Protein backbone atom coordinates (compact mmCIF):
# COMPACT_ATOMS: atom_id res chain seq x y z
CA MET A 1 11.59 -24.54 7.33
CA GLU A 2 9.81 -23.16 10.02
CA ASN A 3 7.87 -20.23 10.54
CA ARG A 4 7.80 -17.96 13.18
CA ASN A 5 4.54 -16.57 14.48
CA SER A 6 2.93 -16.78 10.69
CA GLN A 7 0.18 -18.63 11.39
CA SER A 8 -0.99 -17.14 14.74
CA VAL A 9 -0.64 -13.63 12.62
CA VAL A 10 -3.30 -14.69 10.28
CA THR A 11 -6.11 -15.21 13.06
CA ARG A 12 -5.11 -12.15 15.00
CA HIS A 13 -6.71 -9.60 12.81
CA GLN A 14 -10.11 -8.33 11.66
CA PRO A 15 -8.92 -8.89 8.01
CA SER A 16 -10.11 -6.72 5.33
CA ARG A 17 -11.36 -8.38 1.73
CA LYS A 18 -7.39 -7.74 0.86
CA LYS A 19 -6.20 -9.20 4.44
CA ARG A 20 -8.71 -12.00 3.68
CA SER A 21 -7.62 -13.37 0.38
CA ALA A 22 -3.45 -12.92 1.64
CA ALA A 23 -4.34 -14.87 4.89
CA ALA A 24 -5.81 -17.43 2.49
CA ALA A 25 -3.21 -17.72 0.47
CA LEU A 26 -0.84 -18.07 3.51
CA LYS A 27 -2.56 -20.51 5.00
CA LEU A 28 -2.98 -22.36 2.20
CA ALA A 29 0.94 -22.21 1.56
CA GLN A 30 1.53 -23.55 5.35
CA GLU A 31 -0.99 -26.47 4.99
CA ALA A 32 0.65 -28.12 1.65
CA GLY A 33 3.40 -27.78 3.84
CA TRP A 34 5.35 -25.45 0.66
CA ASN A 35 8.52 -24.15 1.71
CA ASP A 36 9.50 -22.35 -1.69
CA HIS A 37 8.19 -19.33 -3.80
CA ARG A 38 4.74 -19.93 -3.07
CA LEU A 39 5.55 -19.79 0.71
CA GLY A 40 7.28 -16.51 0.12
CA ILE A 41 5.29 -14.66 -2.25
CA SER A 42 2.11 -15.74 -0.09
CA LEU A 43 4.37 -14.26 3.10
CA ASN A 44 4.93 -11.26 1.15
CA ASN A 45 1.42 -10.96 0.10
CA PHE A 46 0.25 -10.81 3.69
CA ALA A 47 2.49 -8.89 5.13
CA ARG A 48 1.59 -6.16 2.36
CA ALA A 49 -1.53 -6.74 3.36
CA LEU A 50 -1.15 -5.72 7.35
CA GLN A 51 2.10 -2.85 6.86
CA VAL A 52 -0.06 0.22 6.89
CA GLN A 53 -2.12 -1.20 10.46
CA SER A 54 0.80 -3.23 11.89
CA PRO A 55 4.23 -2.45 10.41
CA TYR A 56 5.99 -4.15 13.00
CA GLU A 57 4.03 -7.26 12.76
CA ALA A 58 4.79 -6.79 8.81
CA GLN A 59 8.09 -6.38 8.83
CA ASN A 60 8.67 -9.46 11.34
CA ILE A 61 6.65 -11.37 7.99
CA PHE A 62 8.60 -9.30 5.34
CA GLU A 63 11.79 -11.31 6.79
CA GLN A 64 10.13 -14.53 6.71
CA ALA A 65 9.81 -13.94 3.29
CA ARG A 66 13.21 -12.79 3.08
CA ASP A 67 14.59 -15.85 4.83
CA VAL A 68 12.24 -18.28 2.09
CA PHE A 69 13.99 -16.44 -0.67
CA LYS A 70 17.45 -16.77 0.85
CA THR A 71 17.43 -20.38 0.52
CA MET A 72 16.40 -20.42 -3.38
CA PRO A 73 19.10 -18.63 -5.61
CA GLU A 74 16.45 -18.55 -8.54
CA ALA A 75 14.10 -15.97 -6.36
CA GLU A 76 16.91 -13.48 -5.79
CA LEU A 77 14.65 -10.48 -7.66
CA HIS A 78 11.50 -11.77 -5.40
CA ASN A 79 14.27 -11.26 -2.43
CA SER A 80 14.23 -7.47 -4.03
CA PHE A 81 10.98 -6.99 -3.99
CA VAL A 82 10.59 -7.86 -0.22
CA ALA A 83 14.13 -5.81 0.28
CA LEU A 84 12.29 -2.98 -1.24
CA GLN A 85 9.05 -3.18 1.41
CA LEU A 86 11.92 -3.44 4.39
CA ALA A 87 13.61 -0.40 2.99
CA HIS A 88 10.51 1.47 3.12
CA HIS A 89 9.91 0.18 6.37
CA TYR A 90 13.53 1.10 7.64
CA VAL A 91 13.10 4.56 6.05
CA SER A 92 10.21 5.17 7.64
CA LEU A 93 11.75 4.49 10.88
CA GLY A 94 14.80 7.06 10.91
CA GLN A 95 17.14 3.73 10.15
CA GLY A 96 19.27 4.49 7.28
CA GLU A 97 21.80 2.13 8.14
CA GLU A 98 19.53 -0.83 8.21
CA ALA A 99 17.56 0.63 5.20
CA LEU A 100 21.73 0.36 3.13
CA GLU A 101 22.04 -3.20 4.33
CA VAL A 102 18.75 -4.75 2.33
CA LEU A 103 19.17 -1.80 -0.65
CA SER A 104 22.84 -2.48 -1.54
CA PRO A 105 22.03 -6.65 -2.85
CA ALA A 106 18.56 -5.78 -4.05
CA ILE A 107 19.80 -2.99 -6.12
CA ARG A 108 22.43 -5.05 -7.18
CA VAL A 109 20.20 -7.93 -8.02
CA ALA A 110 17.40 -5.86 -10.04
CA GLY A 111 20.25 -4.63 -12.27
CA VAL A 112 21.13 -7.94 -13.21
CA TYR A 113 17.79 -8.73 -14.27
CA GLU A 114 17.59 -5.13 -15.63
CA ASN A 115 14.60 -4.49 -14.08
CA ALA A 116 14.91 -0.50 -14.44
CA ALA A 117 11.55 0.36 -12.23
CA LEU A 118 12.87 -1.42 -9.34
CA VAL A 119 16.61 -0.47 -9.20
CA SER A 120 14.99 3.30 -9.43
CA VAL A 121 12.99 2.71 -6.50
CA LEU A 122 15.55 0.88 -4.77
CA MET A 123 17.85 3.70 -5.78
CA PHE A 124 15.37 6.81 -4.29
CA LEU A 125 15.41 4.59 -1.10
CA LYS A 126 19.14 4.35 -0.97
CA ALA A 127 19.33 7.85 -1.47
CA GLU A 128 16.49 8.75 1.60
CA ALA A 129 18.92 6.36 3.70
CA LEU A 130 21.72 8.04 3.14
CA GLU A 131 20.32 11.58 3.87
CA LEU A 132 19.14 10.02 7.18
CA MET A 133 22.68 8.84 8.09
CA GLY A 134 23.56 12.71 7.11
CA LYS A 135 25.36 11.94 3.64
CA TRP A 136 23.67 14.60 1.93
CA ASN A 137 26.15 14.77 -1.33
CA GLU A 138 25.92 11.14 -1.32
CA ALA A 139 22.41 11.02 -1.13
CA SER A 140 22.24 13.83 -4.33
CA LYS A 141 24.40 11.97 -6.77
CA VAL A 142 22.63 8.59 -5.96
CA ARG A 143 18.81 11.09 -6.95
CA LEU A 144 21.00 12.37 -10.35
CA ASP A 145 22.43 8.61 -11.10
CA THR A 146 19.11 7.14 -10.62
CA PHE A 147 17.09 9.13 -13.13
CA GLU A 148 18.24 7.43 -16.19
CA TYR A 149 17.19 4.01 -14.87
CA ALA A 150 13.57 5.75 -13.70
CA ARG A 151 13.59 7.41 -16.97
CA TYR A 152 13.60 3.99 -18.78
CA GLY A 153 11.62 2.73 -16.35
CA PHE A 154 8.68 5.00 -15.52
CA GLY A 155 8.82 6.58 -18.68
CA SER A 156 7.17 10.31 -17.86
CA SER A 157 9.10 12.87 -15.62
CA ALA A 158 5.74 13.21 -13.65
CA GLU A 159 5.63 9.96 -12.70
CA ILE A 160 9.60 9.79 -11.90
CA ARG A 161 8.48 12.72 -9.58
CA ARG A 162 5.51 10.91 -8.43
CA TYR A 163 7.27 8.10 -6.93
CA MET A 164 10.57 10.35 -5.75
CA ARG A 165 7.92 12.46 -3.39
CA GLN A 166 6.39 9.19 -2.17
CA ILE A 167 9.81 7.84 -1.16
CA SER A 168 10.96 11.13 0.33
CA ARG A 169 7.37 11.23 2.47
CA LEU A 170 8.63 8.46 4.45
CA ASN A 171 11.94 10.08 5.37
CA PRO A 172 10.80 11.32 9.31
CA ILE A 173 13.61 13.78 9.20
CA LYS A 174 11.68 16.18 6.49
């Protein structure tokens, strides 16, 4: 599998410690010729290190990680974490339909793996995406349905509210 631009991305930035570590891991995966979860996780970590300063570049790298994980059925949960990052990006740009496209399969997979914390964050993002599309009632219903997962995944109401506020701030129409 060819890794679009990920090699050149590593060398373009003045890296912080986190970026340097993520870049080193990505370089190692690429030089070793890995095309499995080790490359996907390295791409995901590098994109996370870039996403604040270079969101579009990070999106490209998240998409590369998604492409790696899509080739491995056993990595579908890893792909759900990548979908979480892509959905963050899409919601912050006001692209509700694109967010829903990556969220739907990720929510299903997180549910199969009984990862309540991941399900709840993905569903809170889904609610924001629905709001971006003007589907206010559906967004409210999704939020209400999410509380069971969130209570199990995060425990405290304070932690749930913190995640909801954090995700809500991504929405450019608020």
